[in-house]
Amino acid sequence: GVTNYEDSVKGRFTISRDNAENTVYLQMNSLKPGDTAVYYCSVIIDL
C-alpha cells in the first residue's frame, strides 16, 4: 500500500488497492481538460 505519484497529479489523484478483490483504483479529483487521455493500469512481473 505504499504510494508514489508523478508531480502533475499529486494532490489530485489517489491510487489504492484492494488485495482481497485483486483490484487497483485511481481516484481522480479536480479534473482538467489536460487530463483527457486513455488511462492504463500496468504490472511488472517478468514483463
ModelCIF file with pLDDT and N, C-alpha, C, O atoms, coordinates in Angstrom:
data_MODEL
#
_entry.id   MODEL 
#
_entity.id                         1 
_entity.type                       polymer 
_entity.pdbx_number_of_molecules   1 
#
_entity_poly.entity_id                      1 
_entity_poly.type                           'polypeptide(L)' 
_entity_poly.nstd_linkage                   no 
_entity_poly.nstd_monomer                   no 
_entity_poly.pdbx_seq_one_letter_code       GVTNYEDSVKGRFTISRDNAENTVYLQMNSLKPGDTAVYYCSVIIDL 
_entity_poly.pdbx_seq_one_letter_code_can   GVTNYEDSVKGRFTISRDNAENTVYLQMNSLKPGDTAVYYCSVIIDL 
_entity_poly.pdbx_strand_id                 A 
#
loop_
_entity_poly_seq.entity_id 
_entity_poly_seq.num 
_entity_poly_seq.mon_id 
_entity_poly_seq.hetero 
1 1  GLY n 
1 2  VAL n 
1 3  THR n 
1 4  ASN n 
1 5  TYR n 
1 6  GLU n 
1 7  ASP n 
1 8  SER n 
1 9  VAL n 
1 10 LYS n 
1 11 GLY n 
1 12 ARG n 
1 13 PHE n 
1 14 THR n 
1 15 ILE n 
1 16 SER n 
1 17 ARG n 
1 18 ASP n 
1 19 ASN n 
1 20 ALA n 
1 21 GLU n 
1 22 ASN n 
1 23 THR n 
1 24 VAL n 
1 25 TYR n 
1 26 LEU n 
1 27 GLN n 
1 28 MET n 
1 29 ASN n 
1 30 SER n 
1 31 LEU n 
1 32 LYS n 
1 33 PRO n 
1 34 GLY n 
1 35 ASP n 
1 36 THR n 
1 37 ALA n 
1 38 VAL n 
1 39 TYR n 
1 40 TYR n 
1 41 CYS n 
1 42 SER n 
1 43 VAL n 
1 44 ILE n 
1 45 ILE n 
1 46 ASP n 
1 47 LEU n 
#
_struct_asym.id          A 
_struct_asym.entity_id   1 
#
loop_
_ma_qa_metric.id 
_ma_qa_metric.mode 
_ma_qa_metric.name 
_ma_qa_metric.software_group_id 
_ma_qa_metric.type 
1 global pLDDT . pLDDT 
2 local  pLDDT . pLDDT 
#
_ma_qa_metric_global.metric_id      1 
_ma_qa_metric_global.metric_value   96.96 
_ma_qa_metric_global.model_id       1 
_ma_qa_metric_global.ordinal_id     1 
#
loop_
_ma_qa_metric_local.label_asym_id 
_ma_qa_metric_local.label_comp_id 
_ma_qa_metric_local.label_seq_id 
_ma_qa_metric_local.metric_id 
_ma_qa_metric_local.metric_value 
_ma_qa_metric_local.model_id 
_ma_qa_metric_local.ordinal_id 
A GLY 1  2 94.00 1 1  
A VAL 2  2 97.00 1 2  
A THR 3  2 98.00 1 3  
A ASN 4  2 97.00 1 4  
A TYR 5  2 98.00 1 5  
A GLU 6  2 96.00 1 6  
A ASP 7  2 95.00 1 7  
A SER 8  2 91.00 1 8  
A VAL 9  2 94.00 1 9  
A LYS 10 2 95.00 1 10 
A GLY 11 2 96.00 1 11 
A ARG 12 2 97.00 1 12 
A PHE 13 2 98.00 1 13 
A THR 14 2 98.00 1 14 
A ILE 15 2 98.00 1 15 
A SER 16 2 98.00 1 16 
A ARG 17 2 98.00 1 17 
A ASP 18 2 97.00 1 18 
A ASN 19 2 96.00 1 19 
A ALA 20 2 96.00 1 20 
A GLU 21 2 97.00 1 21 
A ASN 22 2 98.00 1 22 
A THR 23 2 98.00 1 23 
A VAL 24 2 98.00 1 24 
A TYR 25 2 98.00 1 25 
A LEU 26 2 98.00 1 26 
A GLN 27 2 98.00 1 27 
A MET 28 2 98.00 1 28 
A ASN 29 2 98.00 1 29 
A SER 30 2 97.00 1 30 
A LEU 31 2 97.00 1 31 
A LYS 32 2 96.00 1 32 
A PRO 33 2 97.00 1 33 
A GLY 34 2 96.00 1 34 
A ASP 35 2 97.00 1 35 
A THR 36 2 98.00 1 36 
A ALA 37 2 98.00 1 37 
A VAL 38 2 98.00 1 38 
A TYR 39 2 98.00 1 39 
A TYR 40 2 98.00 1 40 
A CYS 41 2 98.00 1 41 
A SER 42 2 98.00 1 42 
A VAL 43 2 98.00 1 43 
A ILE 44 2 98.00 1 44 
A ILE 45 2 97.00 1 45 
A ASP 46 2 94.00 1 46 
A LEU 47 2 96.00 1 47 
#
loop_
_atom_site.group_PDB 
_atom_site.id 
_atom_site.type_symbol 
_atom_site.label_atom_id 
_atom_site.label_alt_id 
_atom_site.label_comp_id 
_atom_site.label_asym_id 
_atom_site.label_entity_id 
_atom_site.label_seq_id 
_atom_site.pdbx_PDB_ins_code 
_atom_site.Cartn_x 
_atom_site.Cartn_y 
_atom_site.Cartn_z 
_atom_site.occupancy 
_atom_site.B_iso_or_equiv 
_atom_site.pdbx_formal_charge 
_atom_site.auth_seq_id 
_atom_site.auth_comp_id 
_atom_site.auth_asym_id 
_atom_site.auth_atom_id 
_atom_site.pdbx_PDB_model_num 
ATOM 1   N N  . GLY A 1 1  ? 0.769   -1.236  0.000   1.00 94.00 ? 1  GLY A N  1 
ATOM 2   C CA . GLY A 1 1  ? 0.000   0.000   0.000   1.00 94.00 ? 1  GLY A CA 1 
ATOM 3   C C  . GLY A 1 1  ? 0.801   1.287   0.000   1.00 94.00 ? 1  GLY A C  1 
ATOM 4   O O  . GLY A 1 1  ? 0.219   2.367   0.107   1.00 94.00 ? 1  GLY A O  1 
ATOM 5   N N  . VAL A 1 2  ? 2.115   1.207   -0.116  1.00 97.00 ? 2  VAL A N  1 
ATOM 6   C CA . VAL A 1 2  ? 2.926   2.424   -0.196  1.00 97.00 ? 2  VAL A CA 1 
ATOM 7   C C  . VAL A 1 2  ? 2.743   3.040   -1.587  1.00 97.00 ? 2  VAL A C  1 
ATOM 8   O O  . VAL A 1 2  ? 2.788   2.341   -2.599  1.00 97.00 ? 2  VAL A O  1 
ATOM 9   N N  . THR A 1 3  ? 2.536   4.351   -1.618  1.00 98.00 ? 3  THR A N  1 
ATOM 10  C CA . THR A 1 3  ? 2.205   5.008   -2.883  1.00 98.00 ? 3  THR A CA 1 
ATOM 11  C C  . THR A 1 3  ? 3.248   6.044   -3.275  1.00 98.00 ? 3  THR A C  1 
ATOM 12  O O  . THR A 1 3  ? 3.955   6.587   -2.426  1.00 98.00 ? 3  THR A O  1 
ATOM 13  N N  . ASN A 1 4  ? 3.333   6.308   -4.576  1.00 97.00 ? 4  ASN A N  1 
ATOM 14  C CA . ASN A 1 4  ? 4.067   7.465   -5.064  1.00 97.00 ? 4  ASN A CA 1 
ATOM 15  C C  . ASN A 1 4  ? 3.420   7.955   -6.347  1.00 97.00 ? 4  ASN A C  1 
ATOM 16  O O  . ASN A 1 4  ? 2.762   7.190   -7.052  1.00 97.00 ? 4  ASN A O  1 
ATOM 17  N N  . TYR A 1 5  ? 3.609   9.240   -6.649  1.00 98.00 ? 5  TYR A N  1 
ATOM 18  C CA . TYR A 1 5  ? 2.879   9.925   -7.709  1.00 98.00 ? 5  TYR A CA 1 
ATOM 19  C C  . TYR A 1 5  ? 3.801   10.789  -8.558  1.00 98.00 ? 5  TYR A C  1 
ATOM 20  O O  . TYR A 1 5  ? 4.823   11.295  -8.095  1.00 98.00 ? 5  TYR A O  1 
ATOM 21  N N  . GLU A 1 6  ? 3.404   10.938  -9.813  1.00 96.00 ? 6  GLU A N  1 
ATOM 22  C CA . GLU A 1 6  ? 4.017   11.928  -10.670 1.00 96.00 ? 6  GLU A CA 1 
ATOM 23  C C  . GLU A 1 6  ? 3.562   13.302  -10.193 1.00 96.00 ? 6  GLU A C  1 
ATOM 24  O O  . GLU A 1 6  ? 2.432   13.455  -9.730  1.00 96.00 ? 6  GLU A O  1 
ATOM 25  N N  . ASP A 1 7  ? 4.428   14.295  -10.303 1.00 95.00 ? 7  ASP A N  1 
ATOM 26  C CA . ASP A 1 7  ? 4.146   15.596  -9.695  1.00 95.00 ? 7  ASP A CA 1 
ATOM 27  C C  . ASP A 1 7  ? 2.861   16.244  -10.205 1.00 95.00 ? 7  ASP A C  1 
ATOM 28  O O  . ASP A 1 7  ? 2.160   16.907  -9.441  1.00 95.00 ? 7  ASP A O  1 
ATOM 29  N N  . SER A 1 8  ? 2.548   16.062  -11.471 1.00 91.00 ? 8  SER A N  1 
ATOM 30  C CA . SER A 1 8  ? 1.406   16.783  -12.041 1.00 91.00 ? 8  SER A CA 1 
ATOM 31  C C  . SER A 1 8  ? 0.065   16.306  -11.495 1.00 91.00 ? 8  SER A C  1 
ATOM 32  O O  . SER A 1 8  ? -0.939  17.005  -11.640 1.00 91.00 ? 8  SER A O  1 
ATOM 33  N N  . VAL A 1 9  ? 0.028   15.138  -10.872 1.00 94.00 ? 9  VAL A N  1 
ATOM 34  C CA . VAL A 1 9  ? -1.239  14.632  -10.338 1.00 94.00 ? 9  VAL A CA 1 
ATOM 35  C C  . VAL A 1 9  ? -1.238  14.533  -8.818  1.00 94.00 ? 9  VAL A C  1 
ATOM 36  O O  . VAL A 1 9  ? -2.255  14.199  -8.211  1.00 94.00 ? 9  VAL A O  1 
ATOM 37  N N  . LYS A 1 10 ? -0.107  14.822  -8.213  1.00 95.00 ? 10 LYS A N  1 
ATOM 38  C CA . LYS A 1 10 ? 0.000   14.735  -6.760  1.00 95.00 ? 10 LYS A CA 1 
ATOM 39  C C  . LYS A 1 10 ? -1.003  15.699  -6.119  1.00 95.00 ? 10 LYS A C  1 
ATOM 40  O O  . LYS A 1 10 ? -1.073  16.870  -6.493  1.00 95.00 ? 10 LYS A O  1 
ATOM 41  N N  . GLY A 1 11 ? -1.767  15.206  -5.167  1.00 96.00 ? 11 GLY A N  1 
ATOM 42  C CA . GLY A 1 11 ? -2.781  16.026  -4.507  1.00 96.00 ? 11 GLY A CA 1 
ATOM 43  C C  . GLY A 1 11 ? -4.139  15.991  -5.183  1.00 96.00 ? 11 GLY A C  1 
ATOM 44  O O  . GLY A 1 11 ? -5.136  16.383  -4.576  1.00 96.00 ? 11 GLY A O  1 
ATOM 45  N N  . ARG A 1 12 ? -4.203  15.533  -6.421  1.00 97.00 ? 12 ARG A N  1 
ATOM 46  C CA . ARG A 1 12 ? -5.495  15.424  -7.125  1.00 97.00 ? 12 ARG A CA 1 
ATOM 47  C C  . ARG A 1 12 ? -5.901  13.979  -7.331  1.00 97.00 ? 12 ARG A C  1 
ATOM 48  O O  . ARG A 1 12 ? -7.087  13.656  -7.264  1.00 97.00 ? 12 ARG A O  1 
ATOM 49  N N  . PHE A 1 13 ? -4.932  13.099  -7.582  1.00 98.00 ? 13 PHE A N  1 
ATOM 50  C CA . PHE A 1 13 ? -5.205  11.687  -7.854  1.00 98.00 ? 13 PHE A CA 1 
ATOM 51  C C  . PHE A 1 13 ? -4.751  10.852  -6.659  1.00 98.00 ? 13 PHE A C  1 
ATOM 52  O O  . PHE A 1 13 ? -3.756  11.168  -6.007  1.00 98.00 ? 13 PHE A O  1 
ATOM 53  N N  . THR A 1 14 ? -5.492  9.787   -6.384  1.00 98.00 ? 14 THR A N  1 
ATOM 54  C CA . THR A 1 14 ? -5.145  8.860   -5.311  1.00 98.00 ? 14 THR A CA 1 
ATOM 55  C C  . THR A 1 14 ? -5.223  7.438   -5.835  1.00 98.00 ? 14 THR A C  1 
ATOM 56  O O  . THR A 1 14 ? -6.260  7.003   -6.337  1.00 98.00 ? 14 THR A O  1 
ATOM 57  N N  . ILE A 1 15 ? -4.117  6.721   -5.713  1.00 98.00 ? 15 ILE A N  1 
ATOM 58  C CA . ILE A 1 15 ? -4.099  5.316   -6.093  1.00 98.00 ? 15 ILE A CA 1 
ATOM 59  C C  . ILE A 1 15 ? -4.319  4.480   -4.834  1.00 98.00 ? 15 ILE A C  1 
ATOM 60  O O  . ILE A 1 15 ? -3.824  4.814   -3.757  1.00 98.00 ? 15 ILE A O  1 
ATOM 61  N N  . SER A 1 16 ? -5.064  3.398   -4.987  1.00 98.00 ? 16 SER A N  1 
ATOM 62  C CA . SER A 1 16 ? -5.293  2.486   -3.866  1.00 98.00 ? 16 SER A CA 1 
ATOM 63  C C  . SER A 1 16 ? -5.507  1.089   -4.430  1.00 98.00 ? 16 SER A C  1 
ATOM 64  O O  . SER A 1 16 ? -5.661  0.907   -5.637  1.00 98.00 ? 16 SER A O  1 
ATOM 65  N N  . ARG A 1 17 ? -5.516  0.118   -3.543  1.00 98.00 ? 17 ARG A N  1 
ATOM 66  C CA . ARG A 1 17 ? -5.715  -1.258  -3.983  1.00 98.00 ? 17 ARG A CA 1 
ATOM 67  C C  . ARG A 1 17 ? -6.519  -2.019  -2.941  1.00 98.00 ? 17 ARG A C  1 
ATOM 68  O O  . ARG A 1 17 ? -6.489  -1.715  -1.748  1.00 98.00 ? 17 ARG A O  1 
ATOM 69  N N  . ASP A 1 18 ? -7.243  -3.024  -3.440  1.00 97.00 ? 18 ASP A N  1 
ATOM 70  C CA . ASP A 1 18 ? -7.972  -3.952  -2.586  1.00 97.00 ? 18 ASP A CA 1 
ATOM 71  C C  . ASP A 1 18 ? -7.431  -5.339  -2.900  1.00 97.00 ? 18 ASP A C  1 
ATOM 72  O O  . ASP A 1 18 ? -7.806  -5.946  -3.903  1.00 97.00 ? 18 ASP A O  1 
ATOM 73  N N  . ASN A 1 19 ? -6.563  -5.830  -2.056  1.00 96.00 ? 19 ASN A N  1 
ATOM 74  C CA . ASN A 1 19 ? -5.916  -7.116  -2.336  1.00 96.00 ? 19 ASN A CA 1 
ATOM 75  C C  . ASN A 1 19 ? -6.902  -8.282  -2.256  1.00 96.00 ? 19 ASN A C  1 
ATOM 76  O O  . ASN A 1 19 ? -6.680  -9.320  -2.879  1.00 96.00 ? 19 ASN A O  1 
ATOM 77  N N  . ALA A 1 20 ? -7.976  -8.121  -1.505  1.00 96.00 ? 20 ALA A N  1 
ATOM 78  C CA . ALA A 1 20 ? -8.983  -9.185  -1.441  1.00 96.00 ? 20 ALA A CA 1 
ATOM 79  C C  . ALA A 1 20 ? -9.755  -9.297  -2.752  1.00 96.00 ? 20 ALA A C  1 
ATOM 80  O O  . ALA A 1 20 ? -10.240 -10.373 -3.104  1.00 96.00 ? 20 ALA A O  1 
ATOM 81  N N  . GLU A 1 21 ? -9.869  -8.178  -3.474  1.00 97.00 ? 21 GLU A N  1 
ATOM 82  C CA . GLU A 1 21 ? -10.623 -8.142  -4.737  1.00 97.00 ? 21 GLU A CA 1 
ATOM 83  C C  . GLU A 1 21 ? -9.724  -8.120  -5.965  1.00 97.00 ? 21 GLU A C  1 
ATOM 84  O O  . GLU A 1 21 ? -10.217 -8.070  -7.092  1.00 97.00 ? 21 GLU A O  1 
ATOM 85  N N  . ASN A 1 22 ? -8.397  -8.157  -5.758  1.00 98.00 ? 22 ASN A N  1 
ATOM 86  C CA . ASN A 1 22 ? -7.447  -8.096  -6.883  1.00 98.00 ? 22 ASN A CA 1 
ATOM 87  C C  . ASN A 1 22 ? -7.732  -6.899  -7.792  1.00 98.00 ? 22 ASN A C  1 
ATOM 88  O O  . ASN A 1 22 ? -7.746  -7.012  -9.017  1.00 98.00 ? 22 ASN A O  1 
ATOM 89  N N  . THR A 1 23 ? -7.957  -5.763  -7.161  1.00 98.00 ? 23 THR A N  1 
ATOM 90  C CA . THR A 1 23 ? -8.336  -4.564  -7.909  1.00 98.00 ? 23 THR A CA 1 
ATOM 91  C C  . THR A 1 23 ? -7.509  -3.374  -7.437  1.00 98.00 ? 23 THR A C  1 
ATOM 92  O O  . THR A 1 23 ? -7.247  -3.211  -6.245  1.00 98.00 ? 23 THR A O  1 
ATOM 93  N N  . VAL A 1 24 ? -7.109  -2.557  -8.389  1.00 98.00 ? 24 VAL A N  1 
ATOM 94  C CA . VAL A 1 24 ? -6.437  -1.302  -8.092  1.00 98.00 ? 24 VAL A CA 1 
ATOM 95  C C  . VAL A 1 24 ? -7.308  -0.164  -8.611  1.00 98.00 ? 24 VAL A C  1 
ATOM 96  O O  . VAL A 1 24 ? -7.963  -0.285  -9.646  1.00 98.00 ? 24 VAL A O  1 
ATOM 97  N N  . TYR A 1 25 ? -7.301  0.934   -7.877  1.00 98.00 ? 25 TYR A N  1 
ATOM 98  C CA . TYR A 1 25 ? -8.161  2.072   -8.199  1.00 98.00 ? 25 TYR A CA 1 
ATOM 99  C C  . TYR A 1 25 ? -7.335  3.321   -8.437  1.00 98.00 ? 25 TYR A C  1 
ATOM 100 O O  . TYR A 1 25 ? -6.200  3.438   -7.975  1.00 98.00 ? 25 TYR A O  1 
ATOM 101 N N  . LEU A 1 26 ? -7.930  4.251   -9.170  1.00 98.00 ? 26 LEU A N  1 
ATOM 102 C CA . LEU A 1 26 ? -7.363  5.589   -9.297  1.00 98.00 ? 26 LEU A CA 1 
ATOM 103 C C  . LEU A 1 26 ? -8.508  6.579   -9.122  1.00 98.00 ? 26 LEU A C  1 
ATOM 104 O O  . LEU A 1 26 ? -9.352  6.731   -10.005 1.00 98.00 ? 26 LEU A O  1 
ATOM 105 N N  . GLN A 1 27 ? -8.526  7.238   -7.991  1.00 98.00 ? 27 GLN A N  1 
ATOM 106 C CA . GLN A 1 27 ? -9.496  8.288   -7.738  1.00 98.00 ? 27 GLN A CA 1 
ATOM 107 C C  . GLN A 1 27 ? -8.942  9.592   -8.283  1.00 98.00 ? 27 GLN A C  1 
ATOM 108 O O  . GLN A 1 27 ? -7.850  10.015  -7.902  1.00 98.00 ? 27 GLN A O  1 
ATOM 109 N N  . MET A 1 28 ? -9.686  10.225  -9.168  1.00 98.00 ? 28 MET A N  1 
ATOM 110 C CA . MET A 1 28 ? -9.224  11.443  -9.828  1.00 98.00 ? 28 MET A CA 1 
ATOM 111 C C  . MET A 1 28 ? -10.183 12.574  -9.492  1.00 98.00 ? 28 MET A C  1 
ATOM 112 O O  . MET A 1 28 ? -11.374 12.501  -9.796  1.00 98.00 ? 28 MET A O  1 
ATOM 113 N N  . ASN A 1 29 ? -9.662  13.610  -8.868  1.00 98.00 ? 29 ASN A N  1 
ATOM 114 C CA . ASN A 1 29 ? -10.452 14.781  -8.490  1.00 98.00 ? 29 ASN A CA 1 
ATOM 115 C C  . ASN A 1 29 ? -9.930  16.026  -9.197  1.00 98.00 ? 29 ASN A C  1 
ATOM 116 O O  . ASN A 1 29 ? -8.822  16.034  -9.733  1.00 98.00 ? 29 ASN A O  1 
ATOM 117 N N  . SER A 1 30 ? -10.741 17.067  -9.189  1.00 97.00 ? 30 SER A N  1 
ATOM 118 C CA . SER A 1 30 ? -10.352 18.351  -9.788  1.00 97.00 ? 30 SER A CA 1 
ATOM 119 C C  . SER A 1 30 ? -9.816  18.150  -11.203 1.00 97.00 ? 30 SER A C  1 
ATOM 120 O O  . SER A 1 30 ? -8.754  18.661  -11.558 1.00 97.00 ? 30 SER A O  1 
ATOM 121 N N  . LEU A 1 31 ? -10.555 17.411  -11.988 1.00 97.00 ? 31 LEU A N  1 
ATOM 122 C CA . LEU A 1 31 ? -10.093 17.075  -13.327 1.00 97.00 ? 31 LEU A CA 1 
ATOM 123 C C  . LEU A 1 31 ? -10.045 18.296  -14.232 1.00 97.00 ? 31 LEU A C  1 
ATOM 124 O O  . LEU A 1 31 ? -10.858 19.214  -14.125 1.00 97.00 ? 31 LEU A O  1 
ATOM 125 N N  . LYS A 1 32 ? -9.062  18.275  -15.126 1.00 96.00 ? 32 LYS A N  1 
ATOM 126 C CA . LYS A 1 32 ? -8.819  19.382  -16.051 1.00 96.00 ? 32 LYS A CA 1 
ATOM 127 C C  . LYS A 1 32 ? -8.892  18.842  -17.473 1.00 96.00 ? 32 LYS A C  1 
ATOM 128 O O  . LYS A 1 32 ? -8.728  17.642  -17.693 1.00 96.00 ? 32 LYS A O  1 
ATOM 129 N N  . PRO A 1 33 ? -9.138  19.723  -18.440 1.00 97.00 ? 33 PRO A N  1 
ATOM 130 C CA . PRO A 1 33 ? -9.123  19.245  -19.831 1.00 97.00 ? 33 PRO A CA 1 
ATOM 131 C C  . PRO A 1 33 ? -7.815  18.544  -20.202 1.00 97.00 ? 33 PRO A C  1 
ATOM 132 O O  . PRO A 1 33 ? -7.816  17.620  -21.016 1.00 97.00 ? 33 PRO A O  1 
ATOM 133 N N  . GLY A 1 34 ? -6.723  18.971  -19.623 1.00 96.00 ? 34 GLY A N  1 
ATOM 134 C CA . GLY A 1 34 ? -5.429  18.337  -19.892 1.00 96.00 ? 34 GLY A CA 1 
ATOM 135 C C  . GLY A 1 34 ? -5.301  16.923  -19.361 1.00 96.00 ? 34 GLY A C  1 
ATOM 136 O O  . GLY A 1 34 ? -4.336  16.228  -19.680 1.00 96.00 ? 34 GLY A O  1 
ATOM 137 N N  . ASP A 1 35 ? -6.260  16.484  -18.553 1.00 97.00 ? 35 ASP A N  1 
ATOM 138 C CA . ASP A 1 35 ? -6.266  15.105  -18.074 1.00 97.00 ? 35 ASP A CA 1 
ATOM 139 C C  . ASP A 1 35 ? -6.921  14.150  -19.072 1.00 97.00 ? 35 ASP A C  1 
ATOM 140 O O  . ASP A 1 35 ? -6.926  12.938  -18.857 1.00 97.00 ? 35 ASP A O  1 
ATOM 141 N N  . THR A 1 36 ? -7.467  14.685  -20.153 1.00 98.00 ? 36 THR A N  1 
ATOM 142 C CA . THR A 1 36 ? -8.074  13.845  -21.174 1.00 98.00 ? 36 THR A CA 1 
ATOM 143 C C  . THR A 1 36 ? -7.040  12.902  -21.775 1.00 98.00 ? 36 THR A C  1 
ATOM 144 O O  . THR A 1 36 ? -6.007  13.340  -22.280 1.00 98.00 ? 36 THR A O  1 
ATOM 145 N N  . ALA A 1 37 ? -7.325  11.611  -21.716 1.00 98.00 ? 37 ALA A N  1 
ATOM 146 C CA . ALA A 1 37 ? -6.361  10.605  -22.162 1.00 98.00 ? 37 ALA A CA 1 
ATOM 147 C C  . ALA A 1 37 ? -6.987  9.221   -22.029 1.00 98.00 ? 37 ALA A C  1 
ATOM 148 O O  . ALA A 1 37 ? -8.061  9.055   -21.451 1.00 98.00 ? 37 ALA A O  1 
ATOM 149 N N  . VAL A 1 38 ? -6.293  8.246   -22.574 1.00 98.00 ? 38 VAL A N  1 
ATOM 150 C CA . VAL A 1 38 ? -6.608  6.849   -22.264 1.00 98.00 ? 38 VAL A CA 1 
ATOM 151 C C  . VAL A 1 38 ? -5.754  6.461   -21.057 1.00 98.00 ? 38 VAL A C  1 
ATOM 152 O O  . VAL A 1 38 ? -4.543  6.681   -21.042 1.00 98.00 ? 38 VAL A O  1 
ATOM 153 N N  . TYR A 1 39 ? -6.402  5.883   -20.050 1.00 98.00 ? 39 TYR A N  1 
ATOM 154 C CA . TYR A 1 39 ? -5.736  5.522   -18.810 1.00 98.00 ? 39 TYR A CA 1 
ATOM 155 C C  . TYR A 1 39 ? -5.540  4.000   -18.760 1.00 98.00 ? 39 TYR A C  1 
ATOM 156 O O  . TYR A 1 39 ? -6.454  3.225   -19.041 1.00 98.00 ? 39 TYR A O  1 
ATOM 157 N N  . TYR A 1 40 ? -4.323  3.607   -18.394 1.00 98.00 ? 40 TYR A N  1 
ATOM 158 C CA . TYR A 1 40 ? -3.941  2.200   -18.383 1.00 98.00 ? 40 TYR A CA 1 
ATOM 159 C C  . TYR A 1 40 ? -3.429  1.800   -16.997 1.00 98.00 ? 40 TYR A C  1 
ATOM 160 O O  . TYR A 1 40 ? -2.748  2.579   -16.330 1.00 98.00 ? 40 TYR A O  1 
ATOM 161 N N  . CYS A 1 41 ? -3.760  0.597   -16.582 1.00 98.00 ? 41 CYS A N  1 
ATOM 162 C CA . CYS A 1 41 ? -3.061  0.037   -15.435 1.00 98.00 ? 41 CYS A CA 1 
ATOM 163 C C  . CYS A 1 41 ? -2.010  -0.947  -15.942 1.00 98.00 ? 41 CYS A C  1 
ATOM 164 O O  . CYS A 1 41 ? -2.086  -1.449  -17.063 1.00 98.00 ? 41 CYS A O  1 
ATOM 165 N N  . SER A 1 42 ? -1.035  -1.202  -15.086 1.00 98.00 ? 42 SER A N  1 
ATOM 166 C CA . SER A 1 42 ? 0.117   -1.991  -15.512 1.00 98.00 ? 42 SER A CA 1 
ATOM 167 C C  . SER A 1 42 ? 0.740   -2.698  -14.323 1.00 98.00 ? 42 SER A C  1 
ATOM 168 O O  . SER A 1 42 ? 0.670   -2.230  -13.187 1.00 98.00 ? 42 SER A O  1 
ATOM 169 N N  . VAL A 1 43 ? 1.353   -3.842  -14.617 1.00 98.00 ? 43 VAL A N  1 
ATOM 170 C CA . VAL A 1 43 ? 2.122   -4.573  -13.617 1.00 98.00 ? 43 VAL A CA 1 
ATOM 171 C C  . VAL A 1 43 ? 3.397   -5.089  -14.276 1.00 98.00 ? 43 VAL A C  1 
ATOM 172 O O  . VAL A 1 43 ? 3.390   -5.519  -15.429 1.00 98.00 ? 43 VAL A O  1 
ATOM 173 N N  . ILE A 1 44 ? 4.488   -5.037  -13.519 1.00 98.00 ? 44 ILE A N  1 
ATOM 174 C CA . ILE A 1 44 ? 5.762   -5.569  -13.999 1.00 98.00 ? 44 ILE A CA 1 
ATOM 175 C C  . ILE A 1 44 ? 6.026   -6.873  -13.256 1.00 98.00 ? 44 ILE A C  1 
ATOM 176 O O  . ILE A 1 44 ? 6.211   -6.899  -12.039 1.00 98.00 ? 44 ILE A O  1 
ATOM 177 N N  . ILE A 1 45 ? 6.037   -7.950  -14.031 1.00 97.00 ? 45 ILE A N  1 
ATOM 178 C CA . ILE A 1 45 ? 6.339   -9.264  -13.456 1.00 97.00 ? 45 ILE A CA 1 
ATOM 179 C C  . ILE A 1 45 ? 7.631   -9.734  -14.154 1.00 97.00 ? 45 ILE A C  1 
ATOM 180 O O  . ILE A 1 45 ? 8.719   -9.284  -13.795 1.00 97.00 ? 45 ILE A O  1 
ATOM 181 N N  . ASP A 1 46 ? 7.521   -10.618 -15.128 1.00 94.00 ? 46 ASP A N  1 
ATOM 182 C CA . ASP A 1 46 ? 8.689   -10.908 -15.973 1.00 94.00 ? 46 ASP A CA 1 
ATOM 183 C C  . ASP A 1 46 ? 8.784   -9.883  -17.097 1.00 94.00 ? 46 ASP A C  1 
ATOM 184 O O  . ASP A 1 46 ? 9.868   -9.557  -17.580 1.00 94.00 ? 46 ASP A O  1 
ATOM 185 N N  . LEU A 1 47 ? 7.643   -9.397  -17.487 1.00 96.00 ? 47 LEU A N  1 
ATOM 186 C CA . LEU A 1 47 ? 7.483   -8.334  -18.481 1.00 96.00 ? 47 LEU A CA 1 
ATOM 187 C C  . LEU A 1 47 ? 6.590   -7.259  -17.876 1.00 96.00 ? 47 LEU A C  1 
ATOM 188 O O  . LEU A 1 47 ? 6.307   -6.253  -18.526 1.00 96.00 ? 47 LEU A O  1 
#
